[in-house]
Each structure stands twice: as structure tokens, then as C-alpha cells.
Amino acid sequence: MDRTERFHIIDQMLSNQRVVTRPQFLDALEISPATFKRDLEYLRDRLAAPIVWNSELRGYQYDAAETGADQYQLPGLWFNTSEIQALLSMDALLENLQPGVLSSHIKPLRSRIRLLLDEGDHSVDEIAQRIRIIPSAAKTYKNENFQAITHALLMRKQLHICYYSRHDDSETCRDISPQRLIYYRDNWYLDSWCHLRQGLRSFSIDAIRSLKILGEAARDIDPEQLAVQLESGYGIFSGTETSEAVLRFSPQIARWVSRERWHPEQKGEYDEAGYYILTIPYSQDTELIMDVLKHGSEVEVLQPAGLRESLIERISAMQRLYSE
């Protein structure tokens, strides 16, 4: 039981009973007299709890003269251990965002989170030394672009963007209606209705070279349509037309992969030889091929034939590169 939970129990016992003896507290809290003394001092000195000792009844109670008609309440927000860990994760995520991105908005939020963490049994610095969140392969962003995107997103305004395509080394300018920001694999994406292509698209924020907020209202897309269009297949760049990829992982790597969530609609099972068979929907194979390749010879694409052939082409290209 952490200190926050003890505070709630102390407050509840004092609120529900006329007088609470020290043995009753120690039995309910399962702590030493010294710890109980420190808890009382904290409640009195830091939280202004009007706890007094009744010498006649030999117990503790809330001072009626202090509380009056209103019952004393613990101030502010209080968190248990799991909630503190969640706040720490949020704090680490905010700390590791690209420097300068929304810094003016994030700074007071981080200060508040760290203040709440310091109210627990352990200081935020102590917790931060024990729990680390390390981002990988995070891209860089222009602060002014990010600010304009969030403003247009919340104000429901269209954006004019010039977008760089790494695939064919080209740039196109278009008007879009932003729908939602996505933080995926340590990078930011903007799901939008593209007025040029007349369809939903997901844009990598770091590839937006320039933008301008337009006066026209953004077109709103139903959240269910967004989910069907952009979440039906594997990866961040999805689509409505999906195929099923069947992957077979070796018994050794299966110990890890069988516990991973590649897609909400994935299916996984072991065959008689101990191989793990993973079936997942996908629309575009780019990200899927990259994730398959990182497992090397520990995974084989069984189906479909087109995905298998694409992977063979990639592997052959790698062989040619290292054999020259």
C-alpha cells in the first residue's frame, strides 16, 4: 500500500467514525508507528488536515471547530502507484518530443505532471532514474509547421501544404482538411481529406515542407470512415482494399512475436513443428516488408505470392549489393 492510498484510508476512517484509535489505524494501514506519525505530520502540515488528539476518548478525530458544517476533503488530485507510472510515461513522452515542438504549451503541462509525481512516495527524479522511455528513429519537425497544423486541426480550417514524397523524390502542393494527429512509432502523422486526390491520406509531418492556413472550413469525415480507411490494414499507410499476409516465424523467434500485437485483427497459432503462423491484413506492403526483413531468416512469407515475390526482390537486391 503506497502513501496516497494510506491517506485515503485515514481520511475515510476519520470521516466515518467519531474517534479512531492508534491501534485501529496501525491495523488497517499495516504500517509501523513511526510511519503513521510521518503520515499524520504530512496530512496536518502539508494538506491542512484538522486532525486532533482527543485525550478523553484516547483517539484521533477531525476538529469540529475547524471543519464546521463542511466535512474536510483531501485537496487536489491524488494518484495510486499505477496512475503515477502512467503520469511518468506521459512526462517522458513529452520530454522526448522534438525540441521546440509545442514547447510553450508543453512546459506548464510538464511542470504540473512533475509536481503531481513529487506528491507521491518517491520524487520524480528518483522515479525517472528507475523508469526510462527511449524513443527511436524519431524524425525532426519544423516548430512553426507543427503549431499551424494543430491550430488548423482544432479550429477546423483547411491547410494548403507542399508535401515531399520520398518514394519518387517529388513535391506536390494541395489543399487538405486535417482530421487527426497520430503519434506512431515515435513520429507524427496527419490524417486528412485531400481535396486534390478526393480521398483520405496520411501525411508524415516531417515531409511537409511548407504550409498555410486557409480561410475555408475543413471538411469533417466520420470517425468510423477514418477507421475503415486508415486502420483496416497493417501500418500507418493503410487502405480499404486489404489482403491477408501469412507469416511463419521460427520456434525461437516465436517466443517474442507470439506476444506482439501487429494489428487488431491479427490471427496467430502454432503449427505442429512449433512454428508461429501470423496472419494479418495489409493494403500497402512497404512497412510490412520492412518489419519482416528485420527478423531475417527467422521468418518466411507464405502468402500471398505477390508479397513473397516483392520480398524476394528486396533480398536479391541486398545480395547483389554485397556481392559486388
Protein backbone atom coordinates (compact mmCIF):
# COMPACT_ATOMS: atom_id res chain seq x y z
CA MET A 1 0.00 0.00 0.00
CA ASP A 2 1.50 3.35 -1.01
CA ARG A 3 1.21 6.62 0.89
CA THR A 4 -1.58 8.01 -1.29
CA GLU A 5 -3.77 5.01 -0.52
CA ARG A 6 -2.97 5.35 3.18
CA PHE A 7 -4.07 9.00 3.12
CA HIS A 8 -7.42 7.98 1.65
CA ILE A 9 -7.91 5.30 4.31
CA ILE A 10 -7.02 7.70 7.12
CA ASP A 11 -9.43 10.29 5.75
CA GLN A 12 -12.19 7.71 5.32
CA MET A 13 -11.79 6.32 8.85
CA LEU A 14 -11.83 9.78 10.41
CA SER A 15 -14.88 10.77 8.34
CA ASN A 16 -16.87 7.63 9.16
CA GLN A 17 -16.01 7.24 12.85
CA ARG A 18 -16.27 9.63 15.76
CA VAL A 19 -12.84 8.69 17.06
CA VAL A 20 -10.15 6.37 15.68
CA THR A 21 -7.52 4.89 17.97
CA ARG A 22 -3.89 4.44 17.03
CA PRO A 23 -4.13 0.59 17.09
CA GLN A 24 -7.09 0.80 14.71
CA PHE A 25 -5.06 2.90 12.29
CA LEU A 26 -1.99 0.65 12.54
CA ASP A 27 -4.10 -2.46 11.97
CA ALA A 28 -5.92 -1.00 8.95
CA LEU A 29 -2.83 0.54 7.37
CA GLU A 30 -0.39 -2.26 8.25
CA ILE A 31 2.43 0.19 8.97
CA SER A 32 4.78 0.97 11.84
CA PRO A 33 4.03 3.67 14.46
CA ALA A 34 6.88 5.77 13.01
CA THR A 35 5.37 5.67 9.50
CA PHE A 36 1.95 6.53 10.89
CA LYS A 37 3.46 9.50 12.70
CA ARG A 38 5.04 10.77 9.47
CA ASP A 39 1.73 10.36 7.62
CA LEU A 40 -0.10 12.39 10.26
CA GLU A 41 2.51 15.14 10.13
CA TYR A 42 2.25 15.33 6.35
CA LEU A 43 -1.55 15.47 6.45
CA ARG A 44 -1.51 18.20 9.07
CA ASP A 45 1.37 20.32 7.78
CA ARG A 46 1.16 19.93 4.02
CA LEU A 47 -2.54 19.21 3.45
CA ALA A 48 -4.02 21.25 6.30
CA ALA A 49 -5.97 18.28 7.64
CA PRO A 50 -7.53 19.31 11.03
CA ILE A 51 -6.61 16.05 12.79
CA VAL A 52 -6.53 16.37 16.60
CA TRP A 53 -5.95 14.03 19.51
CA ASN A 54 -8.94 13.51 21.86
CA SER A 55 -7.35 12.82 25.22
CA GLU A 56 -10.66 11.78 26.83
CA LEU A 57 -11.59 9.21 24.19
CA ARG A 58 -7.95 8.27 23.53
CA GLY A 59 -8.14 8.61 19.76
CA TYR A 60 -7.88 10.86 16.72
CA GLN A 61 -10.67 12.86 15.11
CA TYR A 62 -11.29 15.78 12.81
CA ASP A 63 -11.53 19.05 14.75
CA ALA A 64 -15.21 20.03 14.57
CA ALA A 65 -14.33 23.67 15.21
CA GLU A 66 -12.09 23.70 12.13
CA THR A 67 -14.31 21.77 9.73
CA GLY A 68 -17.61 23.30 10.81
CA ALA A 69 -20.57 22.03 8.85
CA ASP A 70 -18.41 21.02 5.90
CA GLN A 71 -16.51 17.77 6.05
CA TYR A 72 -12.78 18.02 5.39
CA GLN A 73 -11.70 16.76 1.95
CA LEU A 74 -8.24 15.90 0.68
CA PRO A 75 -7.21 18.70 -1.69
CA GLY A 76 -6.37 18.32 -5.35
CA LEU A 77 -5.83 15.18 -7.38
CA TRP A 78 -4.38 12.04 -5.84
CA PHE A 79 -2.88 9.08 -7.62
CA ASN A 80 -2.02 5.50 -6.78
CA THR A 81 1.17 3.77 -7.94
CA SER A 82 -0.12 2.69 -11.35
CA GLU A 83 -1.51 6.17 -12.05
CA ILE A 84 1.82 7.74 -11.07
CA GLN A 85 3.58 5.40 -13.50
CA ALA A 86 1.17 6.49 -16.24
CA LEU A 87 1.95 10.14 -15.46
CA LEU A 88 5.64 9.35 -15.60
CA SER A 89 5.18 7.80 -19.04
CA MET A 90 3.38 10.95 -20.17
CA ASP A 91 6.14 13.11 -18.72
CA ALA A 92 8.83 11.09 -20.52
CA LEU A 93 6.90 11.23 -23.79
CA LEU A 94 6.55 15.00 -23.56
CA GLU A 95 10.22 15.35 -22.64
CA ASN A 96 11.30 13.37 -25.70
CA LEU A 97 9.20 15.25 -28.24
CA GLN A 98 11.26 17.10 -30.81
CA PRO A 99 12.83 20.12 -29.02
CA GLY A 100 10.82 23.25 -29.70
CA VAL A 101 7.66 21.46 -30.80
CA LEU A 102 4.79 22.99 -28.81
CA SER A 103 7.33 23.89 -26.13
CA SER A 104 5.35 26.86 -24.87
CA HIS A 105 2.31 24.62 -24.33
CA ILE A 106 4.15 21.57 -23.02
CA LYS A 107 6.32 23.33 -20.42
CA PRO A 108 3.49 24.19 -17.97
CA LEU A 109 1.93 20.76 -18.52
CA ARG A 110 5.20 19.01 -17.71
CA SER A 111 5.65 21.18 -14.63
CA ARG A 112 2.20 20.16 -13.40
CA ILE A 113 2.87 16.48 -14.05
CA ARG A 114 6.19 16.59 -12.20
CA LEU A 115 4.53 18.38 -9.28
CA LEU A 116 1.92 15.63 -9.04
CA LEU A 117 4.63 12.97 -9.20
CA ASP A 118 6.53 14.62 -6.36
CA GLU A 119 3.45 14.29 -4.16
CA GLY A 120 3.89 10.50 -4.16
CA ASP A 121 6.13 8.31 -2.05
CA HIS A 122 9.10 8.92 -4.33
CA SER A 123 10.43 12.04 -6.01
CA VAL A 124 10.10 12.43 -9.76
CA ASP A 125 13.89 12.38 -10.14
CA GLU A 126 14.11 9.08 -8.29
CA ILE A 127 11.35 7.53 -10.41
CA ALA A 128 12.90 8.87 -13.63
CA GLN A 129 16.18 7.12 -12.78
CA ARG A 130 14.36 3.79 -12.50
CA ILE A 131 11.92 4.04 -15.43
CA ARG A 132 13.13 5.23 -18.82
CA ILE A 133 11.30 5.77 -22.12
CA ILE A 134 13.71 5.97 -25.05
CA PRO A 135 12.34 6.95 -28.48
CA SER A 136 13.96 5.52 -31.62
CA ALA A 137 14.19 6.81 -35.18
CA ALA A 138 12.25 9.99 -34.36
CA LYS A 139 12.20 12.50 -37.21
CA THR A 140 12.74 16.26 -36.99
CA TYR A 141 9.94 18.82 -37.38
CA LYS A 142 9.61 22.50 -38.03
CA ASN A 143 8.12 24.08 -34.93
CA GLU A 144 6.13 26.66 -36.89
CA ASN A 145 4.60 23.92 -39.07
CA PHE A 146 3.53 21.89 -36.07
CA GLN A 147 1.96 24.92 -34.42
CA ALA A 148 -0.01 25.80 -37.58
CA ILE A 149 -1.17 22.20 -38.03
CA THR A 150 -2.53 21.91 -34.50
CA HIS A 151 -4.23 25.31 -34.81
CA ALA A 152 -5.93 24.38 -38.10
CA LEU A 153 -6.85 20.94 -36.75
CA LEU A 154 -8.62 22.32 -33.68
CA MET A 155 -10.11 25.38 -35.40
CA ARG A 156 -11.35 23.11 -38.23
CA LYS A 157 -9.67 25.05 -41.05
CA GLN A 158 -8.22 23.77 -44.32
CA LEU A 159 -4.48 23.76 -44.94
CA HIS A 160 -2.51 24.37 -48.12
CA ILE A 161 0.60 22.20 -47.95
CA CYS A 162 3.59 21.43 -50.15
CA TYR A 163 4.43 17.79 -49.49
CA TYR A 164 7.63 15.94 -50.31
CA SER A 165 7.35 12.32 -51.46
CA ARG A 166 10.43 10.34 -50.54
CA HIS A 167 9.22 7.48 -52.72
CA ASP A 168 9.73 9.27 -56.04
CA ASP A 169 11.63 12.38 -54.89
CA SER A 170 8.84 14.74 -55.92
CA GLU A 171 6.85 17.57 -54.34
CA THR A 172 3.15 18.33 -54.73
CA CYS A 173 1.07 21.21 -53.37
CA ARG A 174 -2.50 20.56 -52.33
CA ASP A 175 -5.35 21.67 -50.05
CA ILE A 176 -6.28 19.32 -47.22
CA SER A 177 -8.82 19.13 -44.41
CA PRO A 178 -6.97 17.89 -41.29
CA GLN A 179 -8.83 15.23 -39.29
CA ARG A 180 -6.47 14.00 -36.56
CA LEU A 181 -2.83 13.89 -35.46
CA ILE A 182 -1.32 10.44 -34.95
CA TYR A 183 1.80 9.66 -32.90
CA TYR A 184 3.03 6.35 -34.30
CA ARG A 185 6.40 4.69 -33.72
CA ASP A 186 7.90 7.89 -32.30
CA ASN A 187 6.79 10.02 -35.25
CA TRP A 188 3.85 12.31 -36.08
CA TYR A 189 1.35 11.86 -38.93
CA LEU A 190 -1.62 13.95 -40.03
CA ASP A 191 -4.70 12.09 -41.25
CA SER A 192 -6.53 14.37 -43.69
CA TRP A 193 -9.04 14.61 -46.51
CA CYS A 194 -7.02 15.50 -49.60
CA HIS A 195 -9.01 17.80 -51.91
CA LEU A 196 -6.56 17.14 -54.74
CA ARG A 197 -6.93 13.35 -54.67
CA GLN A 198 -10.51 13.43 -53.34
CA GLY A 199 -9.76 10.89 -50.65
CA LEU A 200 -8.27 10.26 -47.23
CA ARG A 201 -4.50 10.38 -46.92
CA SER A 202 -1.97 10.16 -44.08
CA PHE A 203 0.87 12.69 -44.27
CA SER A 204 4.16 12.44 -42.40
CA ILE A 205 4.60 15.78 -40.62
CA ASP A 206 8.35 15.92 -41.28
CA ALA A 207 7.70 15.72 -45.06
CA ILE A 208 5.51 18.86 -45.09
CA ARG A 209 7.94 21.45 -46.44
CA SER A 210 5.62 24.46 -46.21
CA LEU A 211 2.01 25.19 -45.33
CA LYS A 212 -0.57 27.93 -44.96
CA ILE A 213 -3.83 28.03 -43.02
CA LEU A 214 -6.76 28.77 -45.34
CA GLY A 215 -10.00 30.56 -44.55
CA GLU A 216 -12.20 27.71 -45.77
CA ALA A 217 -13.75 25.39 -43.20
CA ALA A 218 -12.30 21.90 -43.07
CA ARG A 219 -14.40 19.02 -44.32
CA ASP A 220 -15.30 16.69 -41.44
CA ILE A 221 -15.03 12.94 -42.01
CA ASP A 222 -16.97 10.46 -39.89
CA PRO A 223 -14.63 8.72 -37.37
CA GLU A 224 -15.90 5.32 -38.48
CA GLN A 225 -14.93 6.09 -42.07
CA LEU A 226 -11.50 7.17 -40.87
CA ALA A 227 -11.07 3.87 -39.05
CA VAL A 228 -12.17 1.79 -42.05
CA GLN A 229 -9.98 3.70 -44.50
CA LEU A 230 -6.84 4.21 -42.42
CA GLU A 231 -6.80 1.42 -39.85
CA SER A 232 -8.00 -1.64 -41.75
CA GLY A 233 -4.55 -2.75 -42.91
CA TYR A 234 -1.12 -3.10 -41.36
CA GLY A 235 0.98 0.03 -40.78
CA ILE A 236 0.37 3.74 -40.81
CA PHE A 237 -0.37 3.99 -44.56
CA SER A 238 -3.41 1.76 -44.96
CA GLY A 239 -6.46 1.50 -47.20
CA THR A 240 -9.85 -0.15 -47.60
CA GLU A 241 -8.69 -2.86 -50.03
CA THR A 242 -6.70 -5.34 -47.97
CA SER A 243 -5.06 -8.71 -48.46
CA GLU A 244 -4.01 -11.22 -45.84
CA ALA A 245 -0.33 -11.83 -45.22
CA VAL A 246 0.61 -15.19 -43.73
CA LEU A 247 3.99 -15.19 -41.96
CA ARG A 248 5.76 -18.17 -40.42
CA PHE A 249 8.21 -17.48 -37.61
CA SER A 250 10.82 -19.91 -36.36
CA PRO A 251 10.22 -21.55 -32.96
CA GLN A 252 12.99 -19.43 -31.44
CA ILE A 253 11.73 -16.02 -32.55
CA ALA A 254 8.12 -17.11 -31.96
CA ARG A 255 8.73 -16.72 -28.25
CA TRP A 256 8.77 -12.97 -28.82
CA VAL A 257 6.50 -12.49 -31.84
CA SER A 258 3.63 -14.51 -30.37
CA ARG A 259 3.30 -11.85 -27.67
CA GLU A 260 3.39 -8.89 -30.07
CA ARG A 261 0.37 -7.04 -31.44
CA TRP A 262 0.97 -6.26 -35.11
CA HIS A 263 -2.68 -5.46 -35.93
CA PRO A 264 -6.02 -5.52 -34.04
CA GLU A 265 -7.40 -8.19 -36.39
CA GLN A 266 -4.35 -10.44 -36.48
CA LYS A 267 -4.62 -14.21 -36.03
CA GLY A 268 -1.86 -16.33 -34.59
CA GLU A 269 -1.33 -20.02 -33.92
CA TYR A 270 1.44 -22.59 -33.55
CA ASP A 271 1.81 -25.44 -36.02
CA GLU A 272 2.85 -28.99 -35.11
CA ALA A 273 6.56 -28.20 -35.61
CA GLY A 274 6.46 -25.25 -33.17
CA TYR A 275 6.47 -22.51 -35.82
CA TYR A 276 4.27 -19.49 -35.17
CA ILE A 277 1.87 -18.65 -38.01
CA LEU A 278 0.78 -14.99 -38.01
CA THR A 279 -1.99 -13.79 -40.33
CA ILE A 280 -2.51 -10.02 -40.66
CA PRO A 281 -4.43 -7.75 -43.06
CA TYR A 282 -2.44 -5.25 -45.11
CA SER A 283 -3.02 -2.90 -48.02
CA GLN A 284 0.37 -1.36 -48.79
CA ASP A 285 3.32 -3.69 -48.30
CA THR A 286 6.09 -1.12 -47.70
CA GLU A 287 6.04 -1.07 -43.91
CA LEU A 288 5.20 -4.77 -43.65
CA ILE A 289 8.21 -5.76 -45.76
CA MET A 290 10.49 -3.61 -43.60
CA ASP A 291 9.23 -5.32 -40.43
CA VAL A 292 9.59 -8.77 -41.99
CA LEU A 293 13.17 -8.05 -43.11
CA LYS A 294 14.28 -7.08 -39.61
CA HIS A 295 13.64 -10.67 -38.50
CA GLY A 296 15.98 -12.00 -41.20
CA SER A 297 15.96 -15.76 -41.71
CA GLU A 298 13.69 -16.29 -38.69
CA VAL A 299 10.55 -15.51 -40.72
CA GLU A 300 9.13 -16.63 -44.08
CA VAL A 301 6.26 -15.10 -46.06
CA LEU A 302 3.92 -17.93 -47.03
CA GLN A 303 1.15 -15.91 -48.68
CA PRO A 304 0.26 -14.06 -50.83
CA ALA A 305 2.53 -14.78 -53.76
CA GLY A 306 2.85 -11.08 -54.66
CA LEU A 307 4.16 -10.16 -51.21
CA ARG A 308 6.54 -13.12 -51.26
CA GLU A 309 7.89 -12.06 -54.67
CA SER A 310 8.37 -8.45 -53.50
CA LEU A 311 10.35 -9.69 -50.53
CA ILE A 312 12.49 -11.96 -52.74
CA GLU A 313 13.28 -8.96 -54.96
CA ARG A 314 14.42 -6.95 -51.92
CA ILE A 315 16.60 -9.80 -50.67
CA SER A 316 18.11 -10.31 -54.14
CA ALA A 317 18.93 -6.60 -54.36
CA MET A 318 20.68 -6.81 -50.99
CA GLN A 319 22.66 -9.83 -52.16
CA ARG A 320 23.77 -8.02 -55.30
CA LEU A 321 24.83 -5.01 -53.23
CA TYR A 322 27.13 -7.06 -51.01
CA SER A 323 28.44 -9.37 -53.72
CA GLU A 324 29.79 -6.61 -55.97
